[in-house]
């Protein structure tokens, strides 16, 4: 964006903030101690993350994703070394 005016930079910054604000809100609410979405939260907790860590199916799926991504990375580097 070299050579562009400060107005364009400000507009781009505002658009980025607008697009990323829902993600920031979800991350903030994920630490809520409440059972339902309440804003502001009555307290803060990591219990939802602890529940995810205890879920065997989710952990197995995460492990499978890591295996597949590491295999893909090895194949990609192998193809690059051939070319």
C-alpha atoms as a PDB file:
ATOM      1  CA  UNK A   1       0.000   0.000   0.000  1.00  0.00           C
ATOM      2  CA  UNK A   2       2.919   2.343  -0.531  1.00  0.00           C
ATOM      3  CA  UNK A   3       1.925   5.673  -1.978  1.00  0.00           C
ATOM      4  CA  UNK A   4      -1.650   5.444  -0.666  1.00  0.00           C
ATOM      5  CA  UNK A   5      -3.127   8.135   1.507  1.00  0.00           C
ATOM      6  CA  UNK A   6      -3.862   7.858   5.215  1.00  0.00           C
ATOM      7  CA  UNK A   7      -7.602   7.756   4.514  1.00  0.00           C
ATOM      8  CA  UNK A   8      -7.309   4.469   2.623  1.00  0.00           C
ATOM      9  CA  UNK A   9      -5.147   2.993   5.381  1.00  0.00           C
ATOM     10  CA  UNK A  10      -7.756   3.982   7.974  1.00  0.00           C
ATOM     11  CA  UNK A  11     -10.569   2.428   5.922  1.00  0.00           C
ATOM     12  CA  UNK A  12      -8.623  -0.815   5.511  1.00  0.00           C
ATOM     13  CA  UNK A  13      -7.893  -0.904   9.258  1.00  0.00           C
ATOM     14  CA  UNK A  14     -11.592  -0.388  10.037  1.00  0.00           C
ATOM     15  CA  UNK A  15     -12.613  -3.176   7.645  1.00  0.00           C
ATOM     16  CA  UNK A  16     -10.121  -5.560   9.248  1.00  0.00           C
ATOM     17  CA  UNK A  17     -11.438  -4.677  12.716  1.00  0.00           C
ATOM     18  CA  UNK A  18     -15.009  -5.201  11.538  1.00  0.00           C
ATOM     19  CA  UNK A  19     -14.184  -8.617  10.058  1.00  0.00           C
ATOM     20  CA  UNK A  20     -12.147  -9.838  13.031  1.00  0.00           C
ATOM     21  CA  UNK A  21     -14.394  -8.563  15.840  1.00  0.00           C
ATOM     22  CA  UNK A  22     -16.711 -11.642  15.819  1.00  0.00           C
ATOM     23  CA  UNK A  23     -13.679 -13.893  16.245  1.00  0.00           C
ATOM     24  CA  UNK A  24     -12.460 -11.820  19.183  1.00  0.00           C
ATOM     25  CA  UNK A  25     -15.931 -11.998  20.741  1.00  0.00           C
ATOM     26  CA  UNK A  26     -16.076 -15.810  20.404  1.00  0.00           C
ATOM     27  CA  UNK A  27     -12.649 -16.197  22.000  1.00  0.00           C
ATOM     28  CA  UNK A  28     -13.676 -13.898  24.850  1.00  0.00           C
ATOM     29  CA  UNK A  29     -16.956 -15.733  25.473  1.00  0.00           C
ATOM     30  CA  UNK A  30     -15.223 -19.138  25.356  1.00  0.00           C
ATOM     31  CA  UNK A  31     -13.707 -18.359  28.764  1.00  0.00           C
ATOM     32  CA  UNK A  32     -17.123 -17.694  30.316  1.00  0.00           C
ATOM     33  CA  UNK A  33     -18.116 -19.692  33.391  1.00  0.00           C
ATOM     34  CA  UNK A  34     -21.818 -19.543  32.417  1.00  0.00           C
ATOM     35  CA  UNK A  35     -23.764 -22.375  30.788  1.00  0.00           C
ATOM     36  CA  UNK A  36     -25.274 -20.012  28.214  1.00  0.00           C
ATOM     37  CA  UNK A  37     -23.970 -16.999  26.346  1.00  0.00           C
ATOM     38  CA  UNK A  38     -24.322 -14.070  28.722  1.00  0.00           C
ATOM     39  CA  UNK A  39     -22.550 -10.783  28.297  1.00  0.00           C
ATOM     40  CA  UNK A  40     -20.849  -9.723  30.412  1.00  0.00           C
ATOM     41  CA  UNK A  41     -19.964 -13.144  31.821  1.00  0.00           C
ATOM     42  CA  UNK A  42     -20.577 -13.682  35.515  1.00  0.00           C
ATOM     43  CA  UNK A  43     -17.151 -15.287  35.866  1.00  0.00           C
ATOM     44  CA  UNK A  44     -14.190 -16.680  33.979  1.00  0.00           C
ATOM     45  CA  UNK A  45     -13.276 -20.323  33.578  1.00  0.00           C
ATOM     46  CA  UNK A  46     -11.388 -22.751  31.357  1.00  0.00           C
ATOM     47  CA  UNK A  47     -13.852 -25.569  31.996  1.00  0.00           C
ATOM     48  CA  UNK A  48     -14.971 -25.728  28.359  1.00  0.00           C
ATOM     49  CA  UNK A  49     -11.376 -26.295  27.268  1.00  0.00           C
ATOM     50  CA  UNK A  50     -10.963 -28.951  29.961  1.00  0.00           C
ATOM     51  CA  UNK A  51     -14.106 -30.683  28.666  1.00  0.00           C
ATOM     52  CA  UNK A  52     -12.652 -30.665  25.149  1.00  0.00           C
ATOM     53  CA  UNK A  53      -9.401 -32.163  26.428  1.00  0.00           C
ATOM     54  CA  UNK A  54     -11.340 -35.041  28.037  1.00  0.00           C
ATOM     55  CA  UNK A  55     -13.297 -35.851  24.866  1.00  0.00           C
ATOM     56  CA  UNK A  56     -11.664 -39.014  23.439  1.00  0.00           C
ATOM     57  CA  UNK A  57     -13.210 -38.712  19.971  1.00  0.00           C
ATOM     58  CA  UNK A  58     -12.006 -35.156  19.556  1.00  0.00           C
ATOM     59  CA  UNK A  59      -8.486 -36.054  20.663  1.00  0.00           C
ATOM     60  CA  UNK A  60      -8.389 -38.951  18.197  1.00  0.00           C
ATOM     61  CA  UNK A  61      -9.581 -36.694  15.375  1.00  0.00           C
ATOM     62  CA  UNK A  62      -6.949 -34.103  16.301  1.00  0.00           C
ATOM     63  CA  UNK A  63      -4.251 -36.771  16.304  1.00  0.00           C
ATOM     64  CA  UNK A  64      -5.407 -37.997  12.894  1.00  0.00           C
ATOM     65  CA  UNK A  65      -5.265 -34.440  11.557  1.00  0.00           C
ATOM     66  CA  UNK A  66      -1.699 -34.079  12.772  1.00  0.00           C
ATOM     67  CA  UNK A  67      -0.712 -37.385  11.168  1.00  0.00           C
ATOM     68  CA  UNK A  68      -2.281 -36.447   7.836  1.00  0.00           C
ATOM     69  CA  UNK A  69      -0.700 -32.987   7.838  1.00  0.00           C
ATOM     70  CA  UNK A  70       2.737 -34.347   8.687  1.00  0.00           C
ATOM     71  CA  UNK A  71       2.448 -36.961   5.925  1.00  0.00           C
ATOM     72  CA  UNK A  72       1.414 -34.263   3.457  1.00  0.00           C
ATOM     73  CA  UNK A  73       4.346 -32.103   4.499  1.00  0.00           C
ATOM     74  CA  UNK A  74       6.775 -34.988   3.904  1.00  0.00           C
ATOM     75  CA  UNK A  75       5.292 -35.686   0.467  1.00  0.00           C
ATOM     76  CA  UNK A  76       5.416 -32.014  -0.479  1.00  0.00           C
ATOM     77  CA  UNK A  77       9.069 -31.675   0.477  1.00  0.00           C
ATOM     78  CA  UNK A  78       9.818 -34.910  -1.382  1.00  0.00           C
ATOM     79  CA  UNK A  79       8.163 -33.575  -4.552  1.00  0.00           C
ATOM     80  CA  UNK A  80      10.020 -30.265  -4.258  1.00  0.00           C
ATOM     81  CA  UNK A  81      13.366 -32.027  -3.975  1.00  0.00           C
ATOM     82  CA  UNK A  82      12.634 -34.011  -7.173  1.00  0.00           C
ATOM     83  CA  UNK A  83      11.675 -30.957  -9.221  1.00  0.00           C
END
